[in-house]
Amino acid sequence: MLRTRILGTGFVTGENLVKNEAIAGLMDTSDQWIRERSGVEQRYYVEKGTTTSDLGLGAARKALDDAGVRAEEVDYIVFATMTPDYFFPGCGGILQHKLGLGPIPALDIRQQCTGFIYGLRTVLLVGAEVHSGFMPWHHWDFVFGRGGEPPTEEEKAWITRFRDRTVLFGDAGGACVLRGAEGERGLLGFQLHSDGKDFQSLYVPACGFAQRPYVSESDLREGRHIPEMNGKHVFKQAVTRMPQVVREVCSRNGVEVRQLDLLIAHQANLRINEMVQRALELPDEKVFNNIQRYGNTTAATIPIALDEARKAGRVKDGNLVCFVGLGAGFHWGAALMRA
């Protein structure tokens, strides 16, 4: 049987490691507060001028090298991101140019945190994000430990308004190289869902054409260009939908959840993933998490986790691996792979 196999993986992060203590200097929060609610201990941010497509390029090159595939052999690019370099065009074509490829098909998908899983339905090369562009502060030298002025008390109060979201995110890119091959190994099946009725539970109110102009000075003053989140509702949806869709994809492919060798979930919040693990009754050795080190890198979290799991020996030939995620929209899904 012809199946799609993941031949290689790779990832890169932003250039600057930022621990919770540095974030705590910007707002009314603490390392303990962040860890208890999300599990995040640190994240990486890019330098000014480093773009999402730059991260995608770095991740793509590493994945191609890992796969033993030359860039010229790539015949299709899919780029999953919610933080593109530009409103348009998408990052897929920009990456095609940066890789020096001919006029191959290149497209972007926008399923946010489930972008990687939706990409696997076709051909996935890259998921990358520069979330630092959303951050409601300009004190980057201070955050990066290079001196710089700390925020005033008034600025700290403003930044604190957004702490439930801003402490979570990091900048990174992850990539996979996929190719069809005969045999039983490869991607076995998918289960994908969307439901837009709760889209305002996690969205960016401004910077869209539902309003005119699509962004205004008042939007920036009020922080409407920063993601808005009903955290409790998103949490509830995630801990309900993610176990459900794992059971669905296993059932459709004739396997039981207990037969999984490894579950790799979207790394949005460690507390979510712990509840998903409990709901599925999986032991610790069958679950991989790394949000502690990278934060939520949206479309990049699953390829980064897969790359780390492979290189740590957690994914062996013949292992049954399940990917699962839920993101803004809401979109959620799961994919099953025989390694």
C-alpha atoms as a PDB file:
ATOM      1  CA  MET A   1       0.000   0.000   0.000  1.00  0.00           C
ATOM      2  CA  LEU A   2       1.245   3.487  -0.861  1.00  0.00           C
ATOM      3  CA  ARG A   3       1.532   5.664   2.248  1.00  0.00           C
ATOM      4  CA  THR A   4       2.994   9.070   3.001  1.00  0.00           C
ATOM      5  CA  ARG A   5       6.085   8.806   5.171  1.00  0.00           C
ATOM      6  CA  ILE A   6       7.898  11.471   7.156  1.00  0.00           C
ATOM      7  CA  LEU A   7      11.491  11.172   5.981  1.00  0.00           C
ATOM      8  CA  GLY A   8      13.076  13.952   7.990  1.00  0.00           C
ATOM      9  CA  THR A   9      12.377  16.629  10.583  1.00  0.00           C
ATOM     10  CA  GLY A  10      14.078  19.753  11.849  1.00  0.00           C
ATOM     11  CA  PHE A  11      13.475  22.978  13.729  1.00  0.00           C
ATOM     12  CA  VAL A  12      14.969  26.322  14.663  1.00  0.00           C
ATOM     13  CA  THR A  13      14.057  28.852  17.340  1.00  0.00           C
ATOM     14  CA  GLY A  14      14.336  32.579  17.744  1.00  0.00           C
ATOM     15  CA  GLU A  15      17.814  33.803  18.628  1.00  0.00           C
ATOM     16  CA  ASN A  16      17.042  34.962  22.162  1.00  0.00           C
ATOM     17  CA  LEU A  17      16.266  32.704  25.136  1.00  0.00           C
ATOM     18  CA  VAL A  18      13.874  34.483  27.523  1.00  0.00           C
ATOM     19  CA  LYS A  19      13.090  32.936  30.901  1.00  0.00           C
ATOM     20  CA  ASN A  20       9.984  33.664  32.944  1.00  0.00           C
ATOM     21  CA  GLU A  21      11.928  35.941  35.274  1.00  0.00           C
ATOM     22  CA  ALA A  22      12.606  38.352  32.397  1.00  0.00           C
ATOM     23  CA  ILE A  23       8.915  38.397  31.460  1.00  0.00           C
ATOM     24  CA  ALA A  24       8.049  39.061  35.112  1.00  0.00           C
ATOM     25  CA  GLY A  25      10.038  42.290  34.883  1.00  0.00           C
ATOM     26  CA  LEU A  26       7.541  43.605  32.342  1.00  0.00           C
ATOM     27  CA  MET A  27       4.265  42.945  34.121  1.00  0.00           C
ATOM     28  CA  ASP A  28       2.553  41.866  37.315  1.00  0.00           C
ATOM     29  CA  THR A  29       3.428  38.177  37.186  1.00  0.00           C
ATOM     30  CA  SER A  30       6.054  35.719  38.406  1.00  0.00           C
ATOM     31  CA  ASP A  31       7.881  32.580  37.328  1.00  0.00           C
ATOM     32  CA  GLN A  32       5.654  30.572  39.685  1.00  0.00           C
ATOM     33  CA  TRP A  33       2.432  32.110  38.298  1.00  0.00           C
ATOM     34  CA  ILE A  34       3.414  31.261  34.726  1.00  0.00           C
ATOM     35  CA  ARG A  35       4.605  27.715  35.522  1.00  0.00           C
ATOM     36  CA  GLU A  36       1.528  26.830  37.567  1.00  0.00           C
ATOM     37  CA  ARG A  37      -0.913  27.920  34.869  1.00  0.00           C
ATOM     38  CA  SER A  38       0.868  26.846  31.705  1.00  0.00           C
ATOM     39  CA  GLY A  39       3.997  24.818  32.444  1.00  0.00           C
ATOM     40  CA  VAL A  40       6.083  27.285  30.405  1.00  0.00           C
ATOM     41  CA  GLU A  41       9.531  27.978  31.874  1.00  0.00           C
ATOM     42  CA  GLN A  42      11.147  29.783  28.960  1.00  0.00           C
ATOM     43  CA  ARG A  43      10.668  30.675  25.318  1.00  0.00           C
ATOM     44  CA  TYR A  44      12.695  32.094  22.424  1.00  0.00           C
ATOM     45  CA  TYR A  45      12.153  35.391  20.617  1.00  0.00           C
ATOM     46  CA  VAL A  46      13.667  36.491  17.321  1.00  0.00           C
ATOM     47  CA  GLU A  47      15.763  39.574  16.724  1.00  0.00           C
ATOM     48  CA  LYS A  48      14.014  42.447  14.986  1.00  0.00           C
ATOM     49  CA  GLY A  49      14.116  41.724  11.266  1.00  0.00           C
ATOM     50  CA  THR A  50      13.956  37.932  11.559  1.00  0.00           C
ATOM     51  CA  THR A  51      10.731  36.794   9.924  1.00  0.00           C
ATOM     52  CA  THR A  52       8.469  33.774   9.950  1.00  0.00           C
ATOM     53  CA  SER A  53       9.762  32.738   6.526  1.00  0.00           C
ATOM     54  CA  ASP A  54      13.341  32.985   7.863  1.00  0.00           C
ATOM     55  CA  LEU A  55      12.460  30.518  10.631  1.00  0.00           C
ATOM     56  CA  GLY A  56      10.719  28.352   8.057  1.00  0.00           C
ATOM     57  CA  LEU A  57      13.823  28.403   5.883  1.00  0.00           C
ATOM     58  CA  GLY A  58      16.070  27.316   8.745  1.00  0.00           C
ATOM     59  CA  ALA A  59      13.706  24.521   9.755  1.00  0.00           C
ATOM     60  CA  ALA A  60      13.239  23.385   6.144  1.00  0.00           C
ATOM     61  CA  ARG A  61      16.979  23.141   5.550  1.00  0.00           C
ATOM     62  CA  LYS A  62      17.433  21.046   8.691  1.00  0.00           C
ATOM     63  CA  ALA A  63      14.555  18.742   7.739  1.00  0.00           C
ATOM     64  CA  LEU A  64      15.878  18.308   4.201  1.00  0.00           C
ATOM     65  CA  ASP A  65      19.330  17.491   5.548  1.00  0.00           C
ATOM     66  CA  ASP A  66      17.834  15.001   8.021  1.00  0.00           C
ATOM     67  CA  ALA A  67      15.885  13.350   5.197  1.00  0.00           C
ATOM     68  CA  GLY A  68      18.845  13.254   2.819  1.00  0.00           C
ATOM     69  CA  VAL A  69      16.767  15.149   0.261  1.00  0.00           C
ATOM     70  CA  ARG A  70      18.080  18.020  -1.869  1.00  0.00           C
ATOM     71  CA  ALA A  71      15.996  21.193  -1.976  1.00  0.00           C
ATOM     72  CA  GLU A  72      15.635  20.793  -5.759  1.00  0.00           C
ATOM     73  CA  GLU A  73      13.747  17.532  -5.155  1.00  0.00           C
ATOM     74  CA  VAL A  74      10.915  19.324  -3.334  1.00  0.00           C
ATOM     75  CA  ASP A  75       7.895  19.543  -5.605  1.00  0.00           C
ATOM     76  CA  TYR A  76       5.278  21.060  -3.256  1.00  0.00           C
ATOM     77  CA  ILE A  77       5.404  23.432  -0.281  1.00  0.00           C
ATOM     78  CA  VAL A  78       2.727  23.889   2.365  1.00  0.00           C
ATOM     79  CA  PHE A  79       3.429  26.571   4.969  1.00  0.00           C
ATOM     80  CA  ALA A  80       1.303  26.619   8.135  1.00  0.00           C
ATOM     81  CA  THR A  81       1.374  29.894  10.067  1.00  0.00           C
ATOM     82  CA  MET A  82      -0.806  32.479  11.817  1.00  0.00           C
ATOM     83  CA  THR A  83       1.991  35.079  11.814  1.00  0.00           C
ATOM     84  CA  PRO A  84       2.913  35.527   8.127  1.00  0.00           C
ATOM     85  CA  ASP A  85       5.588  37.978   7.039  1.00  0.00           C
ATOM     86  CA  TYR A  86       2.932  40.050   5.286  1.00  0.00           C
ATOM     87  CA  PHE A  87      -0.850  40.241   5.195  1.00  0.00           C
ATOM     88  CA  PHE A  88      -0.349  38.961   1.650  1.00  0.00           C
ATOM     89  CA  PRO A  89       1.306  37.236  -0.140  1.00  0.00           C
ATOM     90  CA  GLY A  90       1.698  34.114   1.959  1.00  0.00           C
ATOM     91  CA  CYS A  91       4.930  32.638   3.263  1.00  0.00           C
ATOM     92  CA  GLY A  92       4.840  29.571   0.998  1.00  0.00           C
ATOM     93  CA  GLY A  93       5.963  31.472  -2.089  1.00  0.00           C
ATOM     94  CA  ILE A  94       8.512  33.464  -0.093  1.00  0.00           C
ATOM     95  CA  LEU A  95      10.015  30.214   1.208  1.00  0.00           C
ATOM     96  CA  GLN A  96      10.069  28.781  -2.319  1.00  0.00           C
ATOM     97  CA  HIS A  97      12.123  31.809  -3.405  1.00  0.00           C
ATOM     98  CA  LYS A  98      14.475  31.639  -0.403  1.00  0.00           C
ATOM     99  CA  LEU A  99      15.127  27.944  -1.080  1.00  0.00           C
ATOM    100  CA  GLY A 100      16.035  28.855  -4.665  1.00  0.00           C
ATOM    101  CA  LEU A 101      13.442  26.518  -6.157  1.00  0.00           C
ATOM    102  CA  GLY A 102      11.706  26.681  -9.504  1.00  0.00           C
ATOM    103  CA  PRO A 103       8.024  27.643  -9.887  1.00  0.00           C
ATOM    104  CA  ILE A 104       6.640  24.726  -7.851  1.00  0.00           C
ATOM    105  CA  PRO A 105       3.247  24.942  -6.092  1.00  0.00           C
ATOM    106  CA  ALA A 106       3.484  26.692  -2.716  1.00  0.00           C
ATOM    107  CA  LEU A 107       0.586  27.569  -0.469  1.00  0.00           C
ATOM    108  CA  ASP A 108      -0.235  28.663   3.065  1.00  0.00           C
ATOM    109  CA  ILE A 109      -2.789  27.176   5.448  1.00  0.00           C
ATOM    110  CA  ARG A 110      -4.347  28.951   8.414  1.00  0.00           C
ATOM    111  CA  GLN A 111      -5.603  26.475  10.992  1.00  0.00           C
ATOM    112  CA  GLN A 112      -3.463  28.098  13.691  1.00  0.00           C
ATOM    113  CA  CYS A 113      -2.550  25.517  16.330  1.00  0.00           C
ATOM    114  CA  THR A 114      -3.809  22.601  14.211  1.00  0.00           C
ATOM    115  CA  GLY A 115      -1.995  23.809  11.095  1.00  0.00           C
ATOM    116  CA  PHE A 116       0.542  20.975  11.192  1.00  0.00           C
ATOM    117  CA  ILE A 117      -2.128  18.278  11.304  1.00  0.00           C
ATOM    118  CA  TYR A 118      -4.137  19.905   8.516  1.00  0.00           C
ATOM    119  CA  GLY A 119      -0.923  20.165   6.503  1.00  0.00           C
ATOM    120  CA  LEU A 120      -0.322  16.451   6.846  1.00  0.00           C
ATOM    121  CA  ARG A 121      -3.513  15.885   4.894  1.00  0.00           C
ATOM    122  CA  THR A 122      -1.638  17.092   1.802  1.00  0.00           C
ATOM    123  CA  VAL A 123       2.112  17.749   1.913  1.00  0.00           C
ATOM    124  CA  LEU A 124       3.684  19.599   4.820  1.00  0.00           C
ATOM    125  CA  LEU A 125       7.008  21.240   4.811  1.00  0.00           C
ATOM    126  CA  VAL A 126       6.896  24.000   7.428  1.00  0.00           C
ATOM    127  CA  GLY A 127       5.070  25.416  10.415  1.00  0.00           C
ATOM    128  CA  ALA A 128       6.620  28.624  11.747  1.00  0.00           C
ATOM    129  CA  GLU A 129       5.635  31.603  13.888  1.00  0.00           C
ATOM    130  CA  VAL A 130       7.021  34.959  15.020  1.00  0.00           C
ATOM    131  CA  HIS A 131       4.669  35.648  17.927  1.00  0.00           C
ATOM    132  CA  SER A 132       6.900  38.381  19.322  1.00  0.00           C
ATOM    133  CA  GLY A 133       5.226  40.742  16.869  1.00  0.00           C
ATOM    134  CA  PHE A 134       2.060  40.442  18.971  1.00  0.00           C
ATOM    135  CA  MET A 135       3.751  41.402  22.223  1.00  0.00           C
ATOM    136  CA  PRO A 136       2.438  44.599  23.871  1.00  0.00           C
ATOM    137  CA  TRP A 137       5.856  45.973  24.791  1.00  0.00           C
ATOM    138  CA  HIS A 138       8.833  47.613  23.108  1.00  0.00           C
ATOM    139  CA  HIS A 139      11.417  46.973  25.838  1.00  0.00           C
ATOM    140  CA  TRP A 140      13.327  44.284  23.939  1.00  0.00           C
ATOM    141  CA  ASP A 141      16.815  45.187  25.172  1.00  0.00           C
ATOM    142  CA  PHE A 142      15.474  44.960  28.733  1.00  0.00           C
ATOM    143  CA  VAL A 143      13.853  41.561  28.045  1.00  0.00           C
ATOM    144  CA  PHE A 144      17.001  40.233  26.367  1.00  0.00           C
ATOM    145  CA  GLY A 145      19.194  41.316  29.296  1.00  0.00           C
ATOM    146  CA  ARG A 146      21.106  43.963  27.338  1.00  0.00           C
ATOM    147  CA  GLY A 147      20.322  46.835  29.647  1.00  0.00           C
ATOM    148  CA  GLY A 148      17.650  49.133  28.299  1.00  0.00           C
ATOM    149  CA  GLU A 149      14.985  50.953  30.218  1.00  0.00           C
ATOM    150  CA  PRO A 150      12.458  48.890  32.198  1.00  0.00           C
ATOM    151  CA  PRO A 151       8.779  49.714  31.740  1.00  0.00           C
ATOM    152  CA  THR A 152       7.206  52.421  33.834  1.00  0.00           C
ATOM    153  CA  GLU A 153       4.481  51.479  36.304  1.00  0.00           C
ATOM    154  CA  GLU A 154       1.898  52.733  33.812  1.00  0.00           C
ATOM    155  CA  GLU A 155       3.415  50.602  31.049  1.00  0.00           C
ATOM    156  CA  LYS A 156       3.533  47.549  33.332  1.00  0.00           C
ATOM    157  CA  ALA A 157      -0.173  47.963  34.101  1.00  0.00           C
ATOM    158  CA  TRP A 158      -0.911  48.073  30.351  1.00  0.00           C
ATOM    159  CA  ILE A 159       1.219  44.999  29.587  1.00  0.00           C
ATOM    160  CA  THR A 160      -0.343  43.072  32.488  1.00  0.00           C
ATOM    161  CA  ARG A 161      -3.746  43.307  30.768  1.00  0.00           C
ATOM    162  CA  PHE A 162      -2.500  40.739  28.259  1.00  0.00           C
ATOM    163  CA  ARG A 163      -0.452  38.440  30.507  1.00  0.00           C
ATOM    164  CA  ASP A 164      -2.752  35.415  30.171  1.00  0.00           C
ATOM    165  CA  ARG A 165      -1.773  35.229  26.484  1.00  0.00           C
ATOM    166  CA  THR A 166       1.602  36.871  26.094  1.00  0.00           C
ATOM    167  CA  VAL A 167       3.462  34.687  28.607  1.00  0.00           C
ATOM    168  CA  LEU A 168       2.597  31.573  26.590  1.00  0.00           C
ATOM    169  CA  PHE A 169       4.082  32.233  23.168  1.00  0.00           C
ATOM    170  CA  GLY A 170       7.499  31.782  21.594  1.00  0.00           C
ATOM    171  CA  ASP A 171       9.088  32.137  18.155  1.00  0.00           C
ATOM    172  CA  ALA A 172      10.186  29.029  16.243  1.00  0.00           C
ATOM    173  CA  GLY A 173       9.855  27.019  13.069  1.00  0.00           C
ATOM    174  CA  GLY A 174       9.495  23.278  12.537  1.00  0.00           C
ATOM    175  CA  ALA A 175       9.550  21.270   9.328  1.00  0.00           C
ATOM    176  CA  CYS A 176       8.998  17.791   7.915  1.00  0.00           C
ATOM    177  CA  VAL A 177       9.799  16.232   4.571  1.00  0.00           C
ATOM    178  CA  LEU A 178       7.112  13.816   3.338  1.00  0.00           C
ATOM    179  CA  ARG A 179       7.200  11.350   0.470  1.00  0.00           C
ATOM    180  CA  GLY A 180       5.010   8.499  -0.725  1.00  0.00           C
ATOM    181  CA  ALA A 181       6.342   4.972  -0.250  1.00  0.00           C
ATOM    182  CA  GLU A 182       5.005   1.432  -0.458  1.00  0.00           C
ATOM    183  CA  GLY A 183       4.551  -0.484   2.778  1.00  0.00           C
ATOM    184  CA  GLU A 184       2.762  -0.368   6.091  1.00  0.00           C
ATOM    185  CA  ARG A 185       4.807   2.468   7.571  1.00  0.00           C
ATOM    186  CA  GLY A 186       3.667   6.058   7.193  1.00  0.00           C
ATOM    187  CA  LEU A 187       0.568   8.120   7.830  1.00  0.00           C
ATOM    188  CA  LEU A 188      -2.389   5.822   8.456  1.00  0.00           C
ATOM    189  CA  GLY A 189      -5.295   8.216   8.796  1.00  0.00           C
ATOM    190  CA  PHE A 190      -6.704  11.547   9.903  1.00  0.00           C
ATOM    191  CA  GLN A 191      -9.730  12.934  11.688  1.00  0.00           C
ATOM    192  CA  LEU A 192     -10.315  16.666  11.143  1.00  0.00           C
ATOM    193  CA  HIS A 193     -13.030  18.994  12.447  1.00  0.00           C
ATOM    194  CA  SER A 194     -13.969  22.681  12.364  1.00  0.00           C
ATOM    195  CA  ASP A 195     -16.687  24.629  14.162  1.00  0.00           C
ATOM    196  CA  GLY A 196     -16.779  28.404  13.794  1.00  0.00           C
ATOM    197  CA  LYS A 197     -19.534  29.227  16.266  1.00  0.00           C
ATOM    198  CA  ASP A 198     -17.013  30.083  19.003  1.00  0.00           C
ATOM    199  CA  PHE A 199     -14.450  31.846  16.826  1.00  0.00           C
ATOM    200  CA  GLN A 200     -14.474  34.901  19.098  1.00  0.00           C
ATOM    201  CA  SER A 201     -13.171  32.784  21.976  1.00  0.00           C
ATOM    202  CA  LEU A 202      -9.705  33.066  20.440  1.00  0.00           C
ATOM    203  CA  TYR A 203      -9.106  35.658  17.721  1.00  0.00           C
ATOM    204  CA  VAL A 204      -7.545  38.998  16.808  1.00  0.00           C
ATOM    205  CA  PRO A 205     -10.365  41.590  16.810  1.00  0.00           C
ATOM    206  CA  ALA A 206      -8.575  44.108  14.574  1.00  0.00           C
ATOM    207  CA  CYS A 207      -6.440  43.730  11.438  1.00  0.00           C
ATOM    208  CA  GLY A 208      -9.243  42.154   9.425  1.00  0.00           C
ATOM    209  CA  PHE A 209     -11.698  43.324   6.810  1.00  0.00           C
ATOM    210  CA  ALA A 210     -14.768  42.788   8.973  1.00  0.00           C
ATOM    211  CA  GLN A 211     -14.087  46.411   9.960  1.00  0.00           C
ATOM    212  CA  ARG A 212     -13.148  49.530   8.016  1.00  0.00           C
ATOM    213  CA  PRO A 213     -10.336  50.472   8.077  1.00  0.00           C
ATOM    214  CA  TYR A 214      -8.946  47.057   8.907  1.00  0.00           C
ATOM    215  CA  VAL A 215      -6.628  48.621  11.505  1.00  0.00           C
ATOM    216  CA  SER A 216      -6.803  52.046  13.139  1.00  0.00           C
ATOM    217  CA  GLU A 217      -4.934  54.108  15.722  1.00  0.00           C
ATOM    218  CA  SER A 218      -7.649  53.343  18.278  1.00  0.00           C
ATOM    219  CA  ASP A 219      -7.194  49.592  17.644  1.00  0.00           C
ATOM    220  CA  LEU A 220      -3.521  49.919  18.519  1.00  0.00           C
ATOM    221  CA  ARG A 221      -4.200  52.084  21.580  1.00  0.00           C
ATOM    222  CA  GLU A 222      -6.765  49.576  22.880  1.00  0.00           C
ATOM    223  CA  GLY A 223      -4.681  46.492  22.075  1.00  0.00           C
ATOM    224  CA  ARG A 224      -7.177  45.056  19.599  1.00  0.00           C
ATOM    225  CA  HIS A 225      -4.283  43.885  17.392  1.00  0.00           C
ATOM    226  CA  ILE A 226      -3.264  41.435  20.145  1.00  0.00           C
ATOM    227  CA  PRO A 227      -4.991  38.016  20.324  1.00  0.00           C
ATOM    228  CA  GLU A 228      -8.049  38.001  22.557  1.00  0.00           C
ATOM    229  CA  MET A 229      -8.818  34.795  24.425  1.00  0.00           C
ATOM    230  CA  ASN A 230     -11.550  33.364  26.616  1.00  0.00           C
ATOM    231  CA  GLY A 231      -9.071  31.120  28.374  1.00  0.00           C
ATOM    232  CA  LYS A 232     -11.556  29.051  30.362  1.00  0.00           C
ATOM    233  CA  HIS A 233     -13.637  28.240  27.289  1.00  0.00           C
ATOM    234  CA  VAL A 234     -10.590  27.393  25.160  1.00  0.00           C
ATOM    235  CA  PHE A 235      -9.268  25.150  27.949  1.00  0.00           C
ATOM    236  CA  LYS A 236     -12.602  23.336  28.237  1.00  0.00           C
ATOM    237  CA  GLN A 237     -12.830  22.801  24.477  1.00  0.00           C
ATOM    238  CA  ALA A 238      -9.274  21.489  24.303  1.00  0.00           C
ATOM    239  CA  VAL A 239      -9.569  18.969  27.133  1.00  0.00           C
ATOM    240  CA  THR A 240     -12.862  17.721  25.653  1.00  0.00           C
ATOM    241  CA  ARG A 241     -12.200  17.735  21.899  1.00  0.00           C
ATOM    242  CA  MET A 242      -8.636  16.455  21.871  1.00  0.00           C
ATOM    243  CA  PRO A 243      -9.283  13.128  23.654  1.00  0.00           C
ATOM    244  CA  GLN A 244     -12.423  12.657  21.537  1.00  0.00           C
ATOM    245  CA  VAL A 245     -10.595  13.069  18.243  1.00  0.00           C
ATOM    246  CA  VAL A 246      -7.755  10.755  19.335  1.00  0.00           C
ATOM    247  CA  ARG A 247     -10.335   8.058  20.057  1.00  0.00           C
ATOM    248  CA  GLU A 248     -11.994   8.744  16.686  1.00  0.00           C
ATOM    249  CA  VAL A 249      -8.813   8.426  14.623  1.00  0.00           C
ATOM    250  CA  CYS A 250      -7.812   5.261  16.478  1.00  0.00           C
ATOM    251  CA  SER A 251     -11.257   3.715  16.010  1.00  0.00           C
ATOM    252  CA  ARG A 252     -11.358   4.542  12.300  1.00  0.00           C
ATOM    253  CA  ASN A 253      -8.020   2.812  11.827  1.00  0.00           C
ATOM    254  CA  GLY A 254      -8.807  -0.287  13.867  1.00  0.00           C
ATOM    255  CA  VAL A 255      -6.520   0.346  16.824  1.00  0.00           C
ATOM    256  CA  GLU A 256      -7.116   1.016  20.506  1.00  0.00           C
ATOM    257  CA  VAL A 257      -5.768   4.048  22.324  1.00  0.00           C
ATOM    258  CA  ARG A 258      -3.784   1.798  24.658  1.00  0.00           C
ATOM    259  CA  GLN A 259      -1.869   0.497  21.623  1.00  0.00           C
ATOM    260  CA  LEU A 260      -0.337   3.921  20.982  1.00  0.00           C
ATOM    261  CA  ASP A 261       3.401   4.088  21.580  1.00  0.00           C
ATOM    262  CA  LEU A 262       3.513   7.886  21.720  1.00  0.00           C
ATOM    263  CA  LEU A 263       1.094  10.812  21.808  1.00  0.00           C
ATOM    264  CA  ILE A 264       2.392  14.171  20.587  1.00  0.00           C
ATOM    265  CA  ALA A 265      -0.112  16.922  21.331  1.00  0.00           C
ATOM    266  CA  HIS A 266      -0.017  20.573  20.336  1.00  0.00           C
ATOM    267  CA  GLN A 267       2.027  22.353  22.978  1.00  0.00           C
ATOM    268  CA  ALA A 268      -0.358  25.137  24.024  1.00  0.00           C
ATOM    269  CA  ASN A 269      -0.523  24.519  27.753  1.00  0.00           C
ATOM    270  CA  LEU A 270       1.004  21.733  29.826  1.00  0.00           C
ATOM    271  CA  ARG A 271      -2.100  21.579  32.042  1.00  0.00           C
ATOM    272  CA  ILE A 272      -4.254  20.869  28.967  1.00  0.00           C
ATOM    273  CA  ASN A 273      -1.931  18.090  27.855  1.00  0.00           C
ATOM    274  CA  GLU A 274      -1.888  16.552  31.320  1.00  0.00           C
ATOM    275  CA  MET A 275      -5.698  16.401  31.330  1.00  0.00           C
ATOM    276  CA  VAL A 276      -5.750  14.919  27.813  1.00  0.00           C
ATOM    277  CA  GLN A 277      -3.271  12.274  28.978  1.00  0.00           C
ATOM    278  CA  ARG A 278      -5.445  11.399  31.977  1.00  0.00           C
ATOM    279  CA  ALA A 279      -8.586  11.223  29.840  1.00  0.00           C
ATOM    280  CA  LEU A 280      -6.860   8.770  27.494  1.00  0.00           C
ATOM    281  CA  GLU A 281      -5.328   6.819  30.412  1.00  0.00           C
ATOM    282  CA  LEU A 282      -1.839   6.949  28.915  1.00  0.00           C
ATOM    283  CA  PRO A 283       1.281   6.532  31.085  1.00  0.00           C
ATOM    284  CA  ASP A 284       3.992   9.204  31.087  1.00  0.00           C
ATOM    285  CA  GLU A 285       6.286   7.176  28.839  1.00  0.00           C
ATOM    286  CA  LYS A 286       3.661   7.358  26.064  1.00  0.00           C
ATOM    287  CA  VAL A 287       3.380  11.162  26.048  1.00  0.00           C
ATOM    288  CA  PHE A 288       5.886  13.770  24.843  1.00  0.00           C
ATOM    289  CA  ASN A 289       5.816  17.403  26.008  1.00  0.00           C
ATOM    290  CA  ASN A 290       8.351  20.189  25.517  1.00  0.00           C
ATOM    291  CA  ILE A 291       6.320  23.377  26.065  1.00  0.00           C
ATOM    292  CA  GLN A 292       8.467  23.987  29.141  1.00  0.00           C
ATOM    293  CA  ARG A 293      11.410  24.883  26.871  1.00  0.00           C
ATOM    294  CA  TYR A 294       9.771  26.614  23.905  1.00  0.00           C
ATOM    295  CA  GLY A 295       6.366  27.915  24.945  1.00  0.00           C
ATOM    296  CA  ASN A 296       3.482  27.764  22.486  1.00  0.00           C
ATOM    297  CA  THR A 297       4.887  28.101  18.978  1.00  0.00           C
ATOM    298  CA  THR A 298       1.473  27.393  17.378  1.00  0.00           C
ATOM    299  CA  ALA A 299       1.920  25.630  14.015  1.00  0.00           C
ATOM    300  CA  ALA A 300       5.514  24.744  14.922  1.00  0.00           C
ATOM    301  CA  THR A 301       4.851  22.868  18.179  1.00  0.00           C
ATOM    302  CA  ILE A 302       4.106  19.421  16.751  1.00  0.00           C
ATOM    303  CA  PRO A 303       6.974  19.253  14.220  1.00  0.00           C
ATOM    304  CA  ILE A 304       9.387  20.508  16.902  1.00  0.00           C
ATOM    305  CA  ALA A 305       8.140  17.888  19.370  1.00  0.00           C
ATOM    306  CA  LEU A 306       8.368  15.162  16.720  1.00  0.00           C
ATOM    307  CA  ASP A 307      11.926  16.149  15.858  1.00  0.00           C
ATOM    308  CA  GLU A 308      12.992  16.103  19.515  1.00  0.00           C
ATOM    309  CA  ALA A 309      11.173  12.827  20.181  1.00  0.00           C
ATOM    310  CA  ARG A 310      12.807  11.137  17.182  1.00  0.00           C
ATOM    311  CA  LYS A 311      16.279  12.298  18.141  1.00  0.00           C
ATOM    312  CA  ALA A 312      15.755  11.275  21.778  1.00  0.00           C
ATOM    313  CA  GLY A 313      14.868   7.729  20.700  1.00  0.00           C
ATOM    314  CA  ARG A 314      11.226   8.100  21.699  1.00  0.00           C
ATOM    315  CA  VAL A 315      10.024   7.259  18.156  1.00  0.00           C
ATOM    316  CA  LYS A 316      11.312   3.923  16.877  1.00  0.00           C
ATOM    317  CA  ASP A 317      10.623   2.062  13.641  1.00  0.00           C
ATOM    318  CA  GLY A 318       7.204   0.442  13.811  1.00  0.00           C
ATOM    319  CA  ASN A 319       5.946   2.636  16.668  1.00  0.00           C
ATOM    320  CA  LEU A 320       2.355   3.873  16.518  1.00  0.00           C
ATOM    321  CA  VAL A 321       2.358   7.655  16.984  1.00  0.00           C
ATOM    322  CA  CYS A 322      -0.654   9.950  17.283  1.00  0.00           C
ATOM    323  CA  PHE A 323      -0.588  13.727  16.746  1.00  0.00           C
ATOM    324  CA  VAL A 324      -3.443  15.856  18.106  1.00  0.00           C
ATOM    325  CA  GLY A 325      -4.211  19.559  18.315  1.00  0.00           C
ATOM    326  CA  LEU A 326      -6.919  22.171  18.755  1.00  0.00           C
ATOM    327  CA  GLY A 327      -6.677  25.801  17.747  1.00  0.00           C
ATOM    328  CA  ALA A 328      -8.522  29.016  17.039  1.00  0.00           C
ATOM    329  CA  GLY A 329     -11.532  28.661  14.830  1.00  0.00           C
ATOM    330  CA  PHE A 330     -12.130  26.200  16.410  1.00  0.00           C
ATOM    331  CA  HIS A 331     -10.230  23.649  14.341  1.00  0.00           C
ATOM    332  CA  TRP A 332      -9.133  20.346  15.838  1.00  0.00           C
ATOM    333  CA  GLY A 333      -7.808  17.085  14.535  1.00  0.00           C
ATOM    334  CA  ALA A 334      -5.628  14.042  14.979  1.00  0.00           C
ATOM    335  CA  ALA A 335      -3.308  12.051  12.739  1.00  0.00           C
ATOM    336  CA  LEU A 336      -2.055   8.499  13.167  1.00  0.00           C
ATOM    337  CA  MET A 337       1.368   7.378  11.956  1.00  0.00           C
ATOM    338  CA  ARG A 338       3.270   4.099  11.877  1.00  0.00           C
ATOM    339  CA  ALA A 339       6.910   5.185  12.247  1.00  0.00           C
END
